[in-house]
Amino acid sequence: MRKMFFILLLIIFYKNNFAQEIAAKVSVNFESLSTEYREKLVNFASQIEDYINKNKWTDIKWEGPKIPVSFQIYFRSGNPSNKYSAQVVISSQRPIYKSEKSTLMLKLIDPNWDFVYEKNQVMLFNPNLFEPLTGFINYYIYMILGIDSDSYEEFGGNKFFNQALSIAYQGASSNFSNGWTQGEGSFNRVDFASEYLNEKYQNFRKAFFDYHYNGLDLASEKADLPVKKLLNFIKVLEDLRGKVFSRSMLLKVFFDTKYLEFCELLKDYPDKSVFDRLKKIDPAHISTYDEYQKKKF
């Protein structure tokens, strides 16, 4: 009875707090640019920050905590036509229920953002109309909303992933298609969004929800739940690795985001062979898994 009451309270809490909005921090690095272009970009970070934080991204009345988001923009080049190229590090977090801790939900490096910007230009909010400057921001906010929503409800992010994918297709057919085009390079925005909507990843998304909502969020009720849900998640990931290409962008970004969290959760787990399993499904982080497997905490 007590457990049912707790779950009911949890559901009520999230239904009342599900309205999602963004608290973004934007930083820029233009050391690679000449003084001429640096002067043109002097207000760029604050403009992007205002664009994200002052626009409404959902059709839900917001009542809960805002989603912490970070955009770190590293400019690579500029030209007299006000066209710029940049690399961006994007991340977002989510609070853990009844805890002062947060969990990292997204962390990725997007290497190819090309756009035109004039000093202090007005940035109009219209997610249905692609423009290379705001379109990039719109895409990632909807991806962040989708991933966050998936952690509160099975397939709760579908609406946002579809919005992001629509933007990505527009970007791919624009004159600024670099980074958008499907099948292009090691990362492109069409494939990243479309994988979330692909049936092959349905079990992944179910396990993603279960790990966060029934694992991390219930840790204050039962401390061993996050590890139990993580072990179930690893089984799903092992099965998925056999079905999708090793170039899966979703899985690469997911492991880049979560591998340290997994290590911390499993550092006291008695069966250290779990790290061997992680090394097989996530070879990019073998050295870290080795380190945690050998350590005595």
C-alpha atoms as a PDB file:
ATOM      1  CA  MET A   1       0.000   0.000   0.000  1.00  0.00           C
ATOM      2  CA  ARG A   2       2.801   2.418   0.935  1.00  0.00           C
ATOM      3  CA  LYS A   3       4.572   1.751  -2.355  1.00  0.00           C
ATOM      4  CA  MET A   4       1.399   2.318  -4.370  1.00  0.00           C
ATOM      5  CA  PHE A   5       0.849   5.607  -2.538  1.00  0.00           C
ATOM      6  CA  PHE A   6       4.422   6.671  -3.298  1.00  0.00           C
ATOM      7  CA  ILE A   7       4.050   5.848  -6.991  1.00  0.00           C
ATOM      8  CA  LEU A   8       0.775   7.789  -7.118  1.00  0.00           C
ATOM      9  CA  LEU A   9       2.498  10.820  -5.598  1.00  0.00           C
ATOM     10  CA  LEU A  10       5.319  10.471  -8.122  1.00  0.00           C
ATOM     11  CA  ILE A  11       2.876  10.407 -11.039  1.00  0.00           C
ATOM     12  CA  ILE A  12       1.020  13.454  -9.715  1.00  0.00           C
ATOM     13  CA  PHE A  13       4.294  15.300  -9.200  1.00  0.00           C
ATOM     14  CA  TYR A  14       5.462  14.734 -12.753  1.00  0.00           C
ATOM     15  CA  LYS A  15       2.113  15.471 -14.340  1.00  0.00           C
ATOM     16  CA  ASN A  16       2.076  18.831 -12.564  1.00  0.00           C
ATOM     17  CA  ASN A  17       5.679  19.562 -13.413  1.00  0.00           C
ATOM     18  CA  PHE A  18       5.897  18.135 -16.885  1.00  0.00           C
ATOM     19  CA  ALA A  19       5.586  21.480 -18.640  1.00  0.00           C
ATOM     20  CA  GLN A  20       9.120  21.928 -19.909  1.00  0.00           C
ATOM     21  CA  GLU A  21      11.001  25.121 -20.523  1.00  0.00           C
ATOM     22  CA  ILE A  22      14.663  25.933 -20.877  1.00  0.00           C
ATOM     23  CA  ALA A  23      17.307  27.697 -18.778  1.00  0.00           C
ATOM     24  CA  ALA A  24      20.184  28.076 -21.228  1.00  0.00           C
ATOM     25  CA  LYS A  25      23.716  29.309 -20.739  1.00  0.00           C
ATOM     26  CA  VAL A  26      25.592  30.262 -23.904  1.00  0.00           C
ATOM     27  CA  SER A  27      29.318  30.922 -24.161  1.00  0.00           C
ATOM     28  CA  VAL A  28      31.437  31.775 -27.208  1.00  0.00           C
ATOM     29  CA  ASN A  29      35.082  31.444 -28.100  1.00  0.00           C
ATOM     30  CA  PHE A  30      36.245  33.466 -31.102  1.00  0.00           C
ATOM     31  CA  GLU A  31      40.007  33.352 -30.567  1.00  0.00           C
ATOM     32  CA  SER A  32      40.380  31.936 -34.090  1.00  0.00           C
ATOM     33  CA  LEU A  33      38.764  35.031 -35.633  1.00  0.00           C
ATOM     34  CA  SER A  34      40.289  38.389 -36.475  1.00  0.00           C
ATOM     35  CA  THR A  35      39.393  41.495 -34.462  1.00  0.00           C
ATOM     36  CA  GLU A  36      36.980  42.596 -37.204  1.00  0.00           C
ATOM     37  CA  TYR A  37      34.762  39.548 -36.748  1.00  0.00           C
ATOM     38  CA  ARG A  38      35.084  39.467 -32.961  1.00  0.00           C
ATOM     39  CA  GLU A  39      33.601  42.952 -32.808  1.00  0.00           C
ATOM     40  CA  LYS A  40      30.636  41.842 -34.890  1.00  0.00           C
ATOM     41  CA  LEU A  41      30.015  38.951 -32.509  1.00  0.00           C
ATOM     42  CA  VAL A  42      30.300  40.867 -29.262  1.00  0.00           C
ATOM     43  CA  ASN A  43      26.597  40.372 -28.381  1.00  0.00           C
ATOM     44  CA  PHE A  44      26.151  36.998 -30.061  1.00  0.00           C
ATOM     45  CA  ALA A  45      26.126  34.857 -26.890  1.00  0.00           C
ATOM     46  CA  SER A  46      23.585  37.029 -25.070  1.00  0.00           C
ATOM     47  CA  GLN A  47      21.340  37.147 -28.153  1.00  0.00           C
ATOM     48  CA  ILE A  48      21.304  33.361 -28.481  1.00  0.00           C
ATOM     49  CA  GLU A  49      20.712  33.022 -24.741  1.00  0.00           C
ATOM     50  CA  ASP A  50      17.758  35.415 -24.891  1.00  0.00           C
ATOM     51  CA  TYR A  51      16.380  33.675 -27.961  1.00  0.00           C
ATOM     52  CA  ILE A  52      16.320  30.336 -26.134  1.00  0.00           C
ATOM     53  CA  ASN A  53      15.182  31.529 -22.725  1.00  0.00           C
ATOM     54  CA  LYS A  54      12.553  34.068 -23.739  1.00  0.00           C
ATOM     55  CA  ASN A  55      10.667  31.951 -26.276  1.00  0.00           C
ATOM     56  CA  LYS A  56       8.109  29.294 -25.363  1.00  0.00           C
ATOM     57  CA  TRP A  57       9.029  25.871 -26.726  1.00  0.00           C
ATOM     58  CA  THR A  58       6.058  23.753 -25.666  1.00  0.00           C
ATOM     59  CA  ASP A  59       2.284  24.103 -25.743  1.00  0.00           C
ATOM     60  CA  ILE A  60       2.103  23.065 -22.083  1.00  0.00           C
ATOM     61  CA  LYS A  61       1.647  25.506 -19.210  1.00  0.00           C
ATOM     62  CA  TRP A  62       5.041  25.505 -17.502  1.00  0.00           C
ATOM     63  CA  GLU A  63       5.031  24.977 -13.730  1.00  0.00           C
ATOM     64  CA  GLY A  64       8.105  22.861 -13.042  1.00  0.00           C
ATOM     65  CA  PRO A  65      11.863  23.446 -12.983  1.00  0.00           C
ATOM     66  CA  LYS A  66      13.487  24.583 -16.190  1.00  0.00           C
ATOM     67  CA  ILE A  67      15.815  22.261 -18.080  1.00  0.00           C
ATOM     68  CA  PRO A  68      19.451  23.357 -17.678  1.00  0.00           C
ATOM     69  CA  VAL A  69      21.031  23.612 -21.133  1.00  0.00           C
ATOM     70  CA  SER A  70      24.498  24.679 -22.235  1.00  0.00           C
ATOM     71  CA  PHE A  71      25.743  25.794 -25.662  1.00  0.00           C
ATOM     72  CA  GLN A  72      29.514  26.305 -25.918  1.00  0.00           C
ATOM     73  CA  ILE A  73      30.239  27.827 -29.324  1.00  0.00           C
ATOM     74  CA  TYR A  74      33.747  27.745 -30.794  1.00  0.00           C
ATOM     75  CA  PHE A  75      34.031  29.896 -33.907  1.00  0.00           C
ATOM     76  CA  ARG A  76      36.346  28.610 -36.611  1.00  0.00           C
ATOM     77  CA  SER A  77      35.980  31.146 -39.404  1.00  0.00           C
ATOM     78  CA  GLY A  78      34.143  34.199 -40.703  1.00  0.00           C
ATOM     79  CA  ASN A  79      34.067  36.062 -44.021  1.00  0.00           C
ATOM     80  CA  PRO A  80      33.089  39.506 -45.351  1.00  0.00           C
ATOM     81  CA  SER A  81      29.635  38.171 -46.279  1.00  0.00           C
ATOM     82  CA  ASN A  82      28.954  37.607 -42.566  1.00  0.00           C
ATOM     83  CA  LYS A  83      29.035  33.846 -42.957  1.00  0.00           C
ATOM     84  CA  TYR A  84      30.457  31.999 -39.976  1.00  0.00           C
ATOM     85  CA  SER A  85      31.460  28.449 -39.186  1.00  0.00           C
ATOM     86  CA  ALA A  86      31.531  27.036 -35.668  1.00  0.00           C
ATOM     87  CA  GLN A  87      31.780  23.894 -33.580  1.00  0.00           C
ATOM     88  CA  VAL A  88      29.322  23.594 -30.703  1.00  0.00           C
ATOM     89  CA  VAL A  89      29.282  21.563 -27.494  1.00  0.00           C
ATOM     90  CA  ILE A  90      25.673  20.997 -26.390  1.00  0.00           C
ATOM     91  CA  SER A  91      24.547  19.544 -23.079  1.00  0.00           C
ATOM     92  CA  SER A  92      21.440  19.272 -20.925  1.00  0.00           C
ATOM     93  CA  GLN A  93      20.599  17.944 -17.491  1.00  0.00           C
ATOM     94  CA  ARG A  94      17.572  16.687 -15.583  1.00  0.00           C
ATOM     95  CA  PRO A  95      16.872  16.779 -11.843  1.00  0.00           C
ATOM     96  CA  ILE A  96      16.550  13.462 -10.018  1.00  0.00           C
ATOM     97  CA  TYR A  97      13.354  13.205  -8.002  1.00  0.00           C
ATOM     98  CA  LYS A  98      13.742  13.886  -4.264  1.00  0.00           C
ATOM     99  CA  SER A  99      17.442  14.542  -4.692  1.00  0.00           C
ATOM    100  CA  GLU A 100      19.760  17.509  -4.999  1.00  0.00           C
ATOM    101  CA  LYS A 101      21.551  15.665  -7.795  1.00  0.00           C
ATOM    102  CA  SER A 102      20.996  15.878 -11.536  1.00  0.00           C
ATOM    103  CA  THR A 103      21.651  13.420 -14.330  1.00  0.00           C
ATOM    104  CA  LEU A 104      23.306  14.360 -17.612  1.00  0.00           C
ATOM    105  CA  MET A 105      20.842  13.774 -20.454  1.00  0.00           C
ATOM    106  CA  LEU A 106      22.742  14.954 -23.505  1.00  0.00           C
ATOM    107  CA  LYS A 107      26.321  15.835 -24.261  1.00  0.00           C
ATOM    108  CA  LEU A 108      27.601  16.027 -27.811  1.00  0.00           C
ATOM    109  CA  ILE A 109      29.955  17.928 -30.040  1.00  0.00           C
ATOM    110  CA  ASP A 110      28.434  19.167 -33.276  1.00  0.00           C
ATOM    111  CA  PRO A 111      31.388  20.028 -35.540  1.00  0.00           C
ATOM    112  CA  ASN A 112      29.560  21.785 -38.381  1.00  0.00           C
ATOM    113  CA  TRP A 113      27.392  24.833 -37.850  1.00  0.00           C
ATOM    114  CA  ASP A 114      27.399  27.255 -40.797  1.00  0.00           C
ATOM    115  CA  PHE A 115      25.221  30.368 -40.721  1.00  0.00           C
ATOM    116  CA  VAL A 116      24.965  34.060 -41.571  1.00  0.00           C
ATOM    117  CA  TYR A 117      24.855  36.625 -38.778  1.00  0.00           C
ATOM    118  CA  GLU A 118      24.863  40.401 -38.825  1.00  0.00           C
ATOM    119  CA  LYS A 119      25.750  42.296 -35.686  1.00  0.00           C
ATOM    120  CA  ASN A 120      22.713  42.642 -33.378  1.00  0.00           C
ATOM    121  CA  GLN A 121      20.357  41.166 -35.964  1.00  0.00           C
ATOM    122  CA  VAL A 122      16.794  40.375 -34.883  1.00  0.00           C
ATOM    123  CA  MET A 123      16.201  36.656 -34.356  1.00  0.00           C
ATOM    124  CA  LEU A 124      12.602  35.775 -35.143  1.00  0.00           C
ATOM    125  CA  PHE A 125      11.093  32.674 -33.547  1.00  0.00           C
ATOM    126  CA  ASN A 126       9.393  30.501 -36.157  1.00  0.00           C
ATOM    127  CA  PRO A 127      10.339  26.807 -35.810  1.00  0.00           C
ATOM    128  CA  ASN A 128       8.403  25.966 -38.983  1.00  0.00           C
ATOM    129  CA  LEU A 129      10.536  28.228 -41.171  1.00  0.00           C
ATOM    130  CA  PHE A 130      14.156  27.141 -41.559  1.00  0.00           C
ATOM    131  CA  GLU A 131      16.922  29.700 -41.200  1.00  0.00           C
ATOM    132  CA  PRO A 132      20.487  28.427 -40.644  1.00  0.00           C
ATOM    133  CA  LEU A 133      21.135  30.493 -37.511  1.00  0.00           C
ATOM    134  CA  THR A 134      17.964  29.864 -35.510  1.00  0.00           C
ATOM    135  CA  GLY A 135      17.236  26.522 -37.200  1.00  0.00           C
ATOM    136  CA  PHE A 136      20.270  24.968 -35.527  1.00  0.00           C
ATOM    137  CA  ILE A 137      19.154  26.220 -32.110  1.00  0.00           C
ATOM    138  CA  ASN A 138      15.554  25.135 -32.673  1.00  0.00           C
ATOM    139  CA  TYR A 139      16.679  21.646 -33.693  1.00  0.00           C
ATOM    140  CA  TYR A 140      18.704  21.075 -30.546  1.00  0.00           C
ATOM    141  CA  ILE A 141      16.113  22.493 -28.169  1.00  0.00           C
ATOM    142  CA  TYR A 142      13.544  20.072 -29.588  1.00  0.00           C
ATOM    143  CA  MET A 143      16.017  17.185 -29.367  1.00  0.00           C
ATOM    144  CA  ILE A 144      16.697  18.114 -25.735  1.00  0.00           C
ATOM    145  CA  LEU A 145      12.966  18.302 -25.001  1.00  0.00           C
ATOM    146  CA  GLY A 146      12.460  14.923 -26.677  1.00  0.00           C
ATOM    147  CA  ILE A 147      15.202  13.170 -24.731  1.00  0.00           C
ATOM    148  CA  ASP A 148      14.032  14.736 -21.475  1.00  0.00           C
ATOM    149  CA  SER A 149      10.412  13.771 -22.153  1.00  0.00           C
ATOM    150  CA  ASP A 150      11.419  10.187 -22.904  1.00  0.00           C
ATOM    151  CA  SER A 151      12.714   9.937 -19.326  1.00  0.00           C
ATOM    152  CA  TYR A 152       9.291  10.767 -17.856  1.00  0.00           C
ATOM    153  CA  GLU A 153       7.037   8.787 -20.187  1.00  0.00           C
ATOM    154  CA  GLU A 154       7.554   5.944 -22.657  1.00  0.00           C
ATOM    155  CA  PHE A 155       7.943   7.565 -26.090  1.00  0.00           C
ATOM    156  CA  GLY A 156       7.032  10.899 -24.529  1.00  0.00           C
ATOM    157  CA  GLY A 157       9.510  12.649 -26.812  1.00  0.00           C
ATOM    158  CA  ASN A 158       7.934  11.668 -30.147  1.00  0.00           C
ATOM    159  CA  LYS A 159       6.382  15.067 -30.793  1.00  0.00           C
ATOM    160  CA  PHE A 160       9.676  16.851 -30.206  1.00  0.00           C
ATOM    161  CA  PHE A 161      11.747  14.374 -32.211  1.00  0.00           C
ATOM    162  CA  ASN A 162       9.370  14.822 -35.132  1.00  0.00           C
ATOM    163  CA  GLN A 163       9.720  18.607 -34.862  1.00  0.00           C
ATOM    164  CA  ALA A 164      13.511  18.295 -34.802  1.00  0.00           C
ATOM    165  CA  LEU A 165      13.487  15.924 -37.781  1.00  0.00           C
ATOM    166  CA  SER A 166      11.330  18.319 -39.807  1.00  0.00           C
ATOM    167  CA  ILE A 167      13.870  21.087 -39.155  1.00  0.00           C
ATOM    168  CA  ALA A 168      16.720  18.741 -40.098  1.00  0.00           C
ATOM    169  CA  TYR A 169      15.137  17.866 -43.444  1.00  0.00           C
ATOM    170  CA  GLN A 170      14.695  21.570 -44.195  1.00  0.00           C
ATOM    171  CA  GLY A 171      18.332  22.162 -43.304  1.00  0.00           C
ATOM    172  CA  ALA A 172      19.459  19.332 -45.558  1.00  0.00           C
ATOM    173  CA  SER A 173      17.662  20.881 -48.545  1.00  0.00           C
ATOM    174  CA  SER A 174      18.921  24.414 -47.834  1.00  0.00           C
ATOM    175  CA  ASN A 175      22.028  26.226 -49.057  1.00  0.00           C
ATOM    176  CA  PHE A 176      23.554  25.553 -45.628  1.00  0.00           C
ATOM    177  CA  SER A 177      23.285  21.765 -45.714  1.00  0.00           C
ATOM    178  CA  ASN A 178      26.631  21.045 -44.051  1.00  0.00           C
ATOM    179  CA  GLY A 179      25.941  18.928 -40.963  1.00  0.00           C
ATOM    180  CA  TRP A 180      22.309  18.331 -41.847  1.00  0.00           C
ATOM    181  CA  THR A 181      22.481  15.889 -44.776  1.00  0.00           C
ATOM    182  CA  GLN A 182      21.540  12.278 -44.112  1.00  0.00           C
ATOM    183  CA  GLY A 183      24.449   9.843 -44.354  1.00  0.00           C
ATOM    184  CA  GLU A 184      26.993  12.659 -44.270  1.00  0.00           C
ATOM    185  CA  GLY A 185      30.161  12.225 -42.184  1.00  0.00           C
ATOM    186  CA  SER A 186      30.412  10.782 -38.690  1.00  0.00           C
ATOM    187  CA  PHE A 187      27.527  12.919 -37.432  1.00  0.00           C
ATOM    188  CA  ASN A 188      24.534  14.522 -39.093  1.00  0.00           C
ATOM    189  CA  ARG A 189      21.346  15.930 -37.627  1.00  0.00           C
ATOM    190  CA  VAL A 190      18.870  14.079 -39.841  1.00  0.00           C
ATOM    191  CA  ASP A 191      20.141  10.649 -38.812  1.00  0.00           C
ATOM    192  CA  PHE A 192      20.446  11.580 -35.138  1.00  0.00           C
ATOM    193  CA  ALA A 193      16.790  12.645 -34.925  1.00  0.00           C
ATOM    194  CA  SER A 194      15.448   9.878 -37.165  1.00  0.00           C
ATOM    195  CA  GLU A 195      17.073   7.121 -35.105  1.00  0.00           C
ATOM    196  CA  TYR A 196      14.944   8.101 -32.128  1.00  0.00           C
ATOM    197  CA  LEU A 197      11.850   7.486 -34.261  1.00  0.00           C
ATOM    198  CA  ASN A 198      13.147   4.244 -35.773  1.00  0.00           C
ATOM    199  CA  GLU A 199      11.406   1.057 -34.588  1.00  0.00           C
ATOM    200  CA  LYS A 200      14.809  -0.554 -34.000  1.00  0.00           C
ATOM    201  CA  TYR A 201      15.310   1.737 -31.016  1.00  0.00           C
ATOM    202  CA  GLN A 202      11.939   1.198 -29.327  1.00  0.00           C
ATOM    203  CA  ASN A 203      13.332  -1.152 -26.683  1.00  0.00           C
ATOM    204  CA  PHE A 204      16.179   1.277 -26.055  1.00  0.00           C
ATOM    205  CA  ARG A 205      13.718   4.088 -25.422  1.00  0.00           C
ATOM    206  CA  LYS A 206      11.616   1.922 -23.111  1.00  0.00           C
ATOM    207  CA  ALA A 207      14.703   0.972 -21.102  1.00  0.00           C
ATOM    208  CA  PHE A 208      15.841   4.618 -21.098  1.00  0.00           C
ATOM    209  CA  PHE A 209      12.531   5.611 -19.503  1.00  0.00           C
ATOM    210  CA  ASP A 210      12.627   2.723 -17.028  1.00  0.00           C
ATOM    211  CA  TYR A 211      16.186   3.518 -15.935  1.00  0.00           C
ATOM    212  CA  HIS A 212      15.400   7.171 -15.198  1.00  0.00           C
ATOM    213  CA  TYR A 213      11.778   7.065 -13.988  1.00  0.00           C
ATOM    214  CA  ASN A 214      11.749   3.746 -12.137  1.00  0.00           C
ATOM    215  CA  GLY A 215      15.434   3.678 -11.231  1.00  0.00           C
ATOM    216  CA  LEU A 216      17.125   7.017 -10.587  1.00  0.00           C
ATOM    217  CA  ASP A 217      13.917   8.761  -9.522  1.00  0.00           C
ATOM    218  CA  LEU A 218      13.091   6.071  -6.943  1.00  0.00           C
ATOM    219  CA  ALA A 219      16.556   5.860  -5.409  1.00  0.00           C
ATOM    220  CA  SER A 220      15.351   7.674  -2.288  1.00  0.00           C
ATOM    221  CA  GLU A 221      12.746   4.928  -1.812  1.00  0.00           C
ATOM    222  CA  LYS A 222      15.053   2.011  -2.564  1.00  0.00           C
ATOM    223  CA  ALA A 223      18.764   2.677  -3.009  1.00  0.00           C
ATOM    224  CA  ASP A 224      19.533  -0.385  -5.150  1.00  0.00           C
ATOM    225  CA  LEU A 225      16.930   0.399  -7.831  1.00  0.00           C
ATOM    226  CA  PRO A 226      19.214   2.492 -10.101  1.00  0.00           C
ATOM    227  CA  VAL A 227      21.746  -0.361 -10.366  1.00  0.00           C
ATOM    228  CA  LYS A 228      19.018  -2.948 -10.997  1.00  0.00           C
ATOM    229  CA  LYS A 229      17.497  -0.832 -13.741  1.00  0.00           C
ATOM    230  CA  LEU A 230      20.932  -0.150 -15.199  1.00  0.00           C
ATOM    231  CA  LEU A 231      21.683  -3.886 -15.406  1.00  0.00           C
ATOM    232  CA  ASN A 232      18.405  -4.352 -17.287  1.00  0.00           C
ATOM    233  CA  PHE A 233      19.348  -1.447 -19.531  1.00  0.00           C
ATOM    234  CA  ILE A 234      22.711  -3.064 -20.334  1.00  0.00           C
ATOM    235  CA  LYS A 235      20.908  -6.229 -21.491  1.00  0.00           C
ATOM    236  CA  VAL A 236      18.810  -4.147 -23.872  1.00  0.00           C
ATOM    237  CA  LEU A 237      21.914  -2.365 -25.148  1.00  0.00           C
ATOM    238  CA  GLU A 238      23.698  -5.679 -25.751  1.00  0.00           C
ATOM    239  CA  ASP A 239      20.780  -6.894 -27.828  1.00  0.00           C
ATOM    240  CA  LEU A 240      20.557  -3.606 -29.715  1.00  0.00           C
ATOM    241  CA  ARG A 241      24.248  -3.637 -30.609  1.00  0.00           C
ATOM    242  CA  GLY A 242      23.635  -6.825 -32.546  1.00  0.00           C
ATOM    243  CA  LYS A 243      20.866  -5.246 -34.591  1.00  0.00           C
ATOM    244  CA  VAL A 244      22.167  -1.791 -35.523  1.00  0.00           C
ATOM    245  CA  PHE A 245      25.271  -0.590 -37.245  1.00  0.00           C
ATOM    246  CA  SER A 246      28.239   0.330 -35.085  1.00  0.00           C
ATOM    247  CA  ARG A 247      27.945   3.833 -36.557  1.00  0.00           C
ATOM    248  CA  SER A 248      24.676   4.456 -34.706  1.00  0.00           C
ATOM    249  CA  MET A 249      24.674   8.142 -33.802  1.00  0.00           C
ATOM    250  CA  LEU A 250      22.079   7.687 -31.087  1.00  0.00           C
ATOM    251  CA  LEU A 251      24.189   5.099 -29.262  1.00  0.00           C
ATOM    252  CA  LYS A 252      27.426   7.039 -29.684  1.00  0.00           C
ATOM    253  CA  VAL A 253      25.926  10.187 -28.198  1.00  0.00           C
ATOM    254  CA  PHE A 254      24.154   8.172 -25.499  1.00  0.00           C
ATOM    255  CA  PHE A 255      27.352   6.492 -24.294  1.00  0.00           C
ATOM    256  CA  ASP A 256      29.340   9.725 -24.520  1.00  0.00           C
ATOM    257  CA  THR A 257      26.693  11.225 -22.239  1.00  0.00           C
ATOM    258  CA  LYS A 258      26.197   8.392 -19.767  1.00  0.00           C
ATOM    259  CA  TYR A 259      29.363   6.286 -19.498  1.00  0.00           C
ATOM    260  CA  LEU A 260      30.740   8.056 -16.418  1.00  0.00           C
ATOM    261  CA  GLU A 261      27.378   7.886 -14.675  1.00  0.00           C
ATOM    262  CA  PHE A 262      27.230   4.147 -15.346  1.00  0.00           C
ATOM    263  CA  CYS A 263      30.737   3.683 -13.969  1.00  0.00           C
ATOM    264  CA  GLU A 264      29.889   5.529 -10.777  1.00  0.00           C
ATOM    265  CA  LEU A 265      26.728   3.486 -10.252  1.00  0.00           C
ATOM    266  CA  LEU A 266      28.553   0.197 -10.819  1.00  0.00           C
ATOM    267  CA  LYS A 267      31.797   0.923  -8.965  1.00  0.00           C
ATOM    268  CA  ASP A 268      30.662  -1.021  -5.860  1.00  0.00           C
ATOM    269  CA  TYR A 269      28.816  -3.737  -7.763  1.00  0.00           C
ATOM    270  CA  PRO A 270      30.410  -7.076  -6.761  1.00  0.00           C
ATOM    271  CA  ASP A 271      30.395  -8.684 -10.215  1.00  0.00           C
ATOM    272  CA  LYS A 272      33.090  -6.706 -12.051  1.00  0.00           C
ATOM    273  CA  SER A 273      32.446  -8.630 -15.260  1.00  0.00           C
ATOM    274  CA  VAL A 274      29.710  -6.076 -15.942  1.00  0.00           C
ATOM    275  CA  PHE A 275      32.511  -3.763 -17.100  1.00  0.00           C
ATOM    276  CA  ASP A 276      33.555  -6.364 -19.679  1.00  0.00           C
ATOM    277  CA  ARG A 277      30.030  -6.237 -21.033  1.00  0.00           C
ATOM    278  CA  LEU A 278      30.171  -2.443 -21.218  1.00  0.00           C
ATOM    279  CA  LYS A 279      33.494  -2.596 -23.041  1.00  0.00           C
ATOM    280  CA  LYS A 280      31.947  -4.788 -25.735  1.00  0.00           C
ATOM    281  CA  ILE A 281      28.971  -2.517 -26.375  1.00  0.00           C
ATOM    282  CA  ASP A 282      30.867   0.746 -25.874  1.00  0.00           C
ATOM    283  CA  PRO A 283      34.486   0.254 -27.013  1.00  0.00           C
ATOM    284  CA  ALA A 284      35.061   4.010 -27.271  1.00  0.00           C
ATOM    285  CA  HIS A 285      35.325   4.221 -23.477  1.00  0.00           C
ATOM    286  CA  ILE A 286      37.288   1.027 -22.778  1.00  0.00           C
ATOM    287  CA  SER A 287      40.027   2.821 -20.838  1.00  0.00           C
ATOM    288  CA  THR A 288      37.527   4.284 -18.374  1.00  0.00           C
ATOM    289  CA  TYR A 289      35.750   0.951 -17.909  1.00  0.00           C
ATOM    290  CA  ASP A 290      39.146  -0.684 -17.325  1.00  0.00           C
ATOM    291  CA  GLU A 291      39.967   1.911 -14.694  1.00  0.00           C
ATOM    292  CA  TYR A 292      36.742   1.351 -12.762  1.00  0.00           C
ATOM    293  CA  GLN A 293      36.967  -2.413 -13.112  1.00  0.00           C
ATOM    294  CA  LYS A 294      40.416  -2.479 -11.500  1.00  0.00           C
ATOM    295  CA  LYS A 295      39.811   0.106  -8.801  1.00  0.00           C
ATOM    296  CA  LYS A 296      38.837  -0.798  -5.262  1.00  0.00           C
ATOM    297  CA  PHE A 297      36.510   1.855  -3.918  1.00  0.00           C
END
